[in-house]
């Protein structure tokens, strides 16, 4: 069993706002795939289907799915939402990442 992936309060509020605009049954899927400048990258998609082996995180109005292959890469991570001078984005604070790119969307383990 993996250590839970957590969602900050700010991220949960923003995810809830996004999902509300997507209609009934919408969930945010976070996954890890090969690519990016550091080897792996985070991917955020709207999904309407859960798999039996998905990690499901429900907080406030936010429902987040993490597929089984991505769970090991995200173990112990926190998903946050940051709105600063360079823009607004989701950030994954990942304790498993040994390096990341400057924009924070790709990482290596």
N, C-alpha and C. Protein backbone atom coordinates (compact mmCIF):
# COMPACT_ATOMS: atom_id res chain seq x y z
N UNK A 1 0.85 -1.19 0.00
CA UNK A 1 0.00 0.00 0.00
C UNK A 1 0.88 1.24 0.00
N UNK A 2 0.57 2.19 -0.84
CA UNK A 2 1.37 3.39 -0.94
C UNK A 2 0.95 4.42 0.10
N UNK A 3 1.87 5.30 0.41
CA UNK A 3 1.55 6.44 1.25
C UNK A 3 0.63 7.34 0.45
N UNK A 4 -0.34 7.88 1.10
CA UNK A 4 -1.37 8.66 0.40
C UNK A 4 -0.79 9.86 -0.34
N UNK A 5 -1.35 10.14 -1.48
CA UNK A 5 -1.14 11.39 -2.18
C UNK A 5 -2.15 12.36 -1.57
N UNK A 6 -1.71 13.55 -1.24
CA UNK A 6 -2.62 14.51 -0.62
C UNK A 6 -2.85 15.70 -1.55
N UNK A 7 -3.95 16.38 -1.31
CA UNK A 7 -4.34 17.55 -2.08
C UNK A 7 -4.45 18.72 -1.10
N UNK A 8 -3.75 19.83 -1.37
CA UNK A 8 -3.86 20.99 -0.49
C UNK A 8 -5.27 21.58 -0.59
N UNK A 9 -5.62 22.38 0.40
CA UNK A 9 -6.94 23.02 0.38
C UNK A 9 -7.09 23.92 -0.85
N UNK A 10 -6.04 24.66 -1.20
CA UNK A 10 -6.09 25.54 -2.38
C UNK A 10 -6.29 24.73 -3.66
N UNK A 11 -5.60 23.61 -3.76
CA UNK A 11 -5.74 22.76 -4.95
C UNK A 11 -7.14 22.16 -5.00
N UNK A 12 -7.66 21.71 -3.87
CA UNK A 12 -9.00 21.12 -3.84
C UNK A 12 -10.05 22.13 -4.29
N UNK A 13 -9.93 23.38 -3.83
CA UNK A 13 -10.87 24.41 -4.24
C UNK A 13 -10.80 24.64 -5.75
N UNK A 14 -9.59 24.74 -6.29
CA UNK A 14 -9.43 25.00 -7.73
C UNK A 14 -9.91 23.81 -8.56
N UNK A 15 -9.59 22.59 -8.12
CA UNK A 15 -10.05 21.39 -8.82
C UNK A 15 -11.57 21.36 -8.82
N UNK A 16 -12.19 21.65 -7.67
CA UNK A 16 -13.64 21.69 -7.58
C UNK A 16 -14.25 22.68 -8.55
N UNK A 17 -13.63 23.86 -8.69
CA UNK A 17 -14.11 24.87 -9.63
C UNK A 17 -14.03 24.36 -11.07
N UNK A 18 -12.92 23.72 -11.40
CA UNK A 18 -12.73 23.20 -12.76
C UNK A 18 -13.75 22.10 -13.04
N UNK A 19 -13.91 21.17 -12.10
CA UNK A 19 -14.82 20.04 -12.32
C UNK A 19 -16.27 20.49 -12.42
N UNK A 20 -16.64 21.52 -11.68
CA UNK A 20 -18.00 22.04 -11.75
C UNK A 20 -18.34 22.47 -13.17
N UNK A 21 -17.37 23.05 -13.86
CA UNK A 21 -17.58 23.49 -15.23
C UNK A 21 -17.55 22.37 -16.25
N UNK A 22 -17.14 21.19 -15.83
CA UNK A 22 -17.03 20.04 -16.75
C UNK A 22 -18.28 19.16 -16.75
N UNK A 23 -19.22 19.42 -15.86
CA UNK A 23 -20.45 18.64 -15.83
C UNK A 23 -20.37 17.45 -14.91
N UNK A 24 -21.48 16.77 -14.78
CA UNK A 24 -21.64 15.65 -13.87
C UNK A 24 -20.67 14.50 -14.17
N UNK A 25 -20.10 13.95 -13.11
CA UNK A 25 -19.23 12.78 -13.26
C UNK A 25 -17.78 13.08 -13.60
N UNK A 26 -17.41 14.35 -13.73
CA UNK A 26 -16.04 14.71 -14.09
C UNK A 26 -15.12 14.55 -12.89
N UNK A 27 -13.93 14.00 -13.14
CA UNK A 27 -12.89 13.83 -12.13
C UNK A 27 -11.56 14.26 -12.75
N UNK A 28 -10.62 14.67 -11.90
CA UNK A 28 -9.29 15.03 -12.38
C UNK A 28 -8.38 13.81 -12.26
N UNK A 29 -7.78 13.41 -13.36
CA UNK A 29 -6.82 12.31 -13.35
C UNK A 29 -5.42 12.88 -13.41
N UNK A 30 -4.59 12.48 -12.44
CA UNK A 30 -3.18 12.85 -12.42
C UNK A 30 -2.38 11.60 -12.72
N UNK A 31 -1.49 11.69 -13.69
CA UNK A 31 -0.67 10.54 -14.05
C UNK A 31 0.76 10.99 -14.30
N UNK A 32 1.64 10.01 -14.37
CA UNK A 32 3.05 10.24 -14.67
C UNK A 32 3.36 9.48 -15.94
N UNK A 33 4.01 10.16 -16.88
CA UNK A 33 4.40 9.50 -18.12
C UNK A 33 5.83 9.87 -18.46
N UNK A 34 6.45 9.07 -19.29
CA UNK A 34 7.81 9.35 -19.73
C UNK A 34 7.84 10.59 -20.59
N UNK A 35 8.90 11.37 -20.45
CA UNK A 35 9.05 12.57 -21.27
C UNK A 35 9.46 13.76 -20.44
N UNK A 36 9.42 14.91 -21.05
CA UNK A 36 9.85 16.12 -20.36
C UNK A 36 11.36 16.20 -20.33
N UNK A 37 11.88 17.29 -19.86
CA UNK A 37 13.33 17.49 -19.88
C UNK A 37 14.06 16.73 -18.78
N UNK A 38 13.34 16.18 -17.81
CA UNK A 38 14.00 15.45 -16.72
C UNK A 38 13.68 13.96 -16.70
N UNK A 39 12.93 13.45 -17.67
CA UNK A 39 12.67 12.01 -17.76
C UNK A 39 11.23 11.59 -17.57
N UNK A 40 10.52 12.22 -16.62
CA UNK A 40 9.11 11.95 -16.39
C UNK A 40 8.38 13.27 -16.32
N UNK A 41 7.09 13.24 -16.64
CA UNK A 41 6.29 14.46 -16.52
C UNK A 41 4.92 14.14 -15.96
N UNK A 42 4.35 15.15 -15.30
CA UNK A 42 3.01 15.03 -14.74
C UNK A 42 2.00 15.36 -15.83
N UNK A 43 0.90 14.64 -15.81
CA UNK A 43 -0.17 14.88 -16.77
C UNK A 43 -1.47 15.04 -16.00
N UNK A 44 -2.25 16.06 -16.34
CA UNK A 44 -3.53 16.35 -15.71
C UNK A 44 -4.61 16.28 -16.77
N UNK A 45 -5.61 15.42 -16.58
CA UNK A 45 -6.70 15.25 -17.54
C UNK A 45 -8.03 15.18 -16.82
N UNK A 46 -9.08 15.55 -17.52
CA UNK A 46 -10.44 15.33 -17.02
C UNK A 46 -10.86 13.94 -17.47
N UNK A 47 -11.40 13.15 -16.54
CA UNK A 47 -11.82 11.79 -16.84
C UNK A 47 -13.19 11.56 -16.23
N UNK A 48 -13.94 10.64 -16.80
CA UNK A 48 -15.25 10.29 -16.27
C UNK A 48 -15.34 8.83 -15.87
N UNK A 49 -14.24 8.10 -15.99
CA UNK A 49 -14.25 6.67 -15.67
C UNK A 49 -13.16 6.34 -14.66
N UNK A 50 -13.55 5.60 -13.63
CA UNK A 50 -12.61 5.09 -12.64
C UNK A 50 -12.23 3.66 -12.98
N UNK A 51 -10.98 3.31 -12.75
CA UNK A 51 -10.55 1.92 -12.84
C UNK A 51 -10.54 1.33 -11.44
N UNK A 52 -10.67 0.02 -11.36
CA UNK A 52 -10.70 -0.64 -10.05
C UNK A 52 -9.44 -0.40 -9.24
N UNK A 53 -8.29 -0.22 -9.92
CA UNK A 53 -7.03 -0.05 -9.20
C UNK A 53 -6.61 1.42 -9.06
N UNK A 54 -7.49 2.36 -9.40
CA UNK A 54 -7.19 3.78 -9.21
C UNK A 54 -7.16 4.13 -7.72
N UNK A 55 -6.25 5.02 -7.37
CA UNK A 55 -6.30 5.68 -6.07
C UNK A 55 -7.29 6.82 -6.24
N UNK A 56 -8.30 6.90 -5.37
CA UNK A 56 -9.32 7.93 -5.46
C UNK A 56 -9.19 8.84 -4.24
N UNK A 57 -9.01 10.12 -4.51
CA UNK A 57 -8.87 11.11 -3.44
C UNK A 57 -10.06 12.06 -3.57
N UNK A 58 -10.87 12.13 -2.51
CA UNK A 58 -12.03 13.02 -2.52
C UNK A 58 -11.87 14.02 -1.39
N UNK A 59 -11.92 15.30 -1.77
CA UNK A 59 -11.78 16.37 -0.78
C UNK A 59 -12.63 17.53 -1.23
N UNK A 60 -13.52 17.97 -0.37
CA UNK A 60 -14.47 19.03 -0.71
C UNK A 60 -15.21 18.61 -1.99
N UNK A 61 -15.17 19.42 -3.03
CA UNK A 61 -15.83 19.07 -4.29
C UNK A 61 -14.86 18.48 -5.31
N UNK A 62 -13.65 18.18 -4.88
CA UNK A 62 -12.63 17.66 -5.79
C UNK A 62 -12.57 16.13 -5.72
N UNK A 63 -12.53 15.50 -6.89
CA UNK A 63 -12.30 14.06 -6.98
C UNK A 63 -11.09 13.88 -7.89
N UNK A 64 -10.04 13.28 -7.34
CA UNK A 64 -8.79 13.10 -8.07
C UNK A 64 -8.51 11.61 -8.18
N UNK A 65 -8.12 11.18 -9.38
CA UNK A 65 -7.77 9.79 -9.64
C UNK A 65 -6.28 9.69 -9.95
N UNK A 66 -5.64 8.64 -9.45
CA UNK A 66 -4.25 8.35 -9.79
C UNK A 66 -4.20 6.88 -10.20
N UNK A 67 -3.74 6.60 -11.43
CA UNK A 67 -3.69 5.22 -11.91
C UNK A 67 -2.62 4.43 -11.16
N UNK A 68 -2.73 3.12 -11.18
CA UNK A 68 -1.84 2.27 -10.39
C UNK A 68 -0.38 2.40 -10.81
N UNK A 69 -0.10 2.61 -12.09
CA UNK A 69 1.29 2.74 -12.54
C UNK A 69 1.93 4.03 -12.03
N UNK A 70 1.14 5.07 -11.86
CA UNK A 70 1.66 6.36 -11.41
C UNK A 70 1.79 6.46 -9.89
N UNK A 71 1.09 5.60 -9.16
CA UNK A 71 1.07 5.70 -7.71
C UNK A 71 2.45 5.60 -7.09
N UNK A 72 3.31 4.72 -7.59
CA UNK A 72 4.65 4.58 -7.01
C UNK A 72 5.48 5.86 -7.20
N UNK A 73 5.30 6.54 -8.33
CA UNK A 73 6.03 7.78 -8.59
C UNK A 73 5.52 8.94 -7.73
N UNK A 74 4.26 8.88 -7.34
CA UNK A 74 3.63 9.97 -6.59
C UNK A 74 3.51 9.69 -5.10
N UNK A 75 4.00 8.57 -4.64
CA UNK A 75 3.89 8.19 -3.23
C UNK A 75 4.39 9.30 -2.32
N UNK A 76 3.53 9.73 -1.40
CA UNK A 76 3.90 10.76 -0.43
C UNK A 76 3.84 12.18 -0.96
N UNK A 77 3.37 12.38 -2.18
CA UNK A 77 3.34 13.71 -2.80
C UNK A 77 2.13 14.52 -2.34
N UNK A 78 2.26 15.83 -2.45
CA UNK A 78 1.14 16.73 -2.24
C UNK A 78 0.93 17.55 -3.51
N UNK A 79 -0.31 17.61 -3.95
CA UNK A 79 -0.67 18.44 -5.09
C UNK A 79 -1.15 19.78 -4.53
N UNK A 80 -0.55 20.85 -5.02
CA UNK A 80 -0.88 22.19 -4.56
C UNK A 80 -1.28 23.05 -5.76
N UNK A 81 -1.92 24.17 -5.50
CA UNK A 81 -2.25 25.14 -6.54
C UNK A 81 -1.58 26.44 -6.18
N UNK A 82 -0.80 26.97 -7.12
CA UNK A 82 -0.03 28.18 -6.88
C UNK A 82 -0.47 29.25 -7.89
N UNK A 83 -0.73 30.44 -7.40
CA UNK A 83 -1.09 31.56 -8.25
C UNK A 83 -0.14 32.70 -7.90
N UNK A 84 0.90 32.88 -8.72
CA UNK A 84 1.90 33.90 -8.43
C UNK A 84 2.19 34.72 -9.68
N UNK A 85 3.23 35.52 -9.65
CA UNK A 85 3.54 36.44 -10.75
C UNK A 85 3.79 35.74 -12.08
N UNK A 86 4.31 34.51 -12.04
CA UNK A 86 4.61 33.83 -13.31
C UNK A 86 3.43 33.01 -13.81
N UNK A 87 2.34 32.99 -13.06
CA UNK A 87 1.14 32.29 -13.53
C UNK A 87 0.54 31.39 -12.47
N UNK A 88 -0.60 30.84 -12.82
CA UNK A 88 -1.32 29.93 -11.93
C UNK A 88 -1.16 28.52 -12.46
N UNK A 89 -0.86 27.58 -11.55
CA UNK A 89 -0.67 26.20 -11.98
C UNK A 89 -0.76 25.25 -10.78
N UNK A 90 -0.99 23.98 -11.12
CA UNK A 90 -0.89 22.94 -10.11
C UNK A 90 0.58 22.56 -9.99
N UNK A 91 1.03 22.32 -8.78
CA UNK A 91 2.40 21.91 -8.53
C UNK A 91 2.36 20.63 -7.70
N UNK A 92 3.20 19.70 -8.06
CA UNK A 92 3.30 18.46 -7.31
C UNK A 92 4.58 18.53 -6.48
N UNK A 93 4.42 18.53 -5.17
CA UNK A 93 5.56 18.50 -4.26
C UNK A 93 5.86 17.02 -4.00
N UNK A 94 6.85 16.51 -4.74
CA UNK A 94 7.11 15.08 -4.80
C UNK A 94 8.41 14.73 -4.09
N UNK A 95 8.33 14.02 -2.96
CA UNK A 95 9.54 13.65 -2.23
C UNK A 95 10.39 12.60 -2.95
N UNK A 96 9.85 11.96 -3.98
CA UNK A 96 10.58 10.93 -4.72
C UNK A 96 11.45 11.52 -5.83
N UNK A 97 11.20 12.77 -6.19
CA UNK A 97 11.95 13.40 -7.29
C UNK A 97 13.35 13.75 -6.82
N UNK A 98 14.34 13.28 -7.57
CA UNK A 98 15.73 13.61 -7.25
C UNK A 98 16.18 14.86 -8.00
N UNK A 99 15.48 15.22 -9.05
CA UNK A 99 15.76 16.43 -9.82
C UNK A 99 14.48 16.82 -10.54
N UNK A 100 14.37 18.09 -10.87
CA UNK A 100 13.22 18.54 -11.65
C UNK A 100 13.65 19.68 -12.55
N UNK A 101 12.83 19.97 -13.54
CA UNK A 101 13.13 21.07 -14.45
C UNK A 101 12.74 22.38 -13.80
N UNK A 102 13.13 23.47 -14.39
CA UNK A 102 12.84 24.78 -13.83
C UNK A 102 11.37 25.11 -13.75
N UNK A 103 10.58 24.59 -14.68
CA UNK A 103 9.13 24.90 -14.66
C UNK A 103 8.35 23.98 -13.74
N UNK A 104 8.97 22.90 -13.27
CA UNK A 104 8.32 22.02 -12.31
C UNK A 104 7.36 21.00 -12.89
N UNK A 105 7.33 20.85 -14.22
CA UNK A 105 6.41 19.89 -14.81
C UNK A 105 7.05 18.55 -15.10
N UNK A 106 8.38 18.47 -15.05
CA UNK A 106 9.02 17.18 -15.25
C UNK A 106 10.03 16.92 -14.13
N UNK A 107 10.34 15.64 -13.94
CA UNK A 107 11.20 15.26 -12.82
C UNK A 107 11.92 13.95 -13.14
N UNK A 108 12.91 13.63 -12.32
CA UNK A 108 13.57 12.33 -12.43
C UNK A 108 13.60 11.70 -11.04
N UNK A 109 13.71 10.36 -11.04
CA UNK A 109 13.77 9.62 -9.77
C UNK A 109 15.04 8.81 -9.71
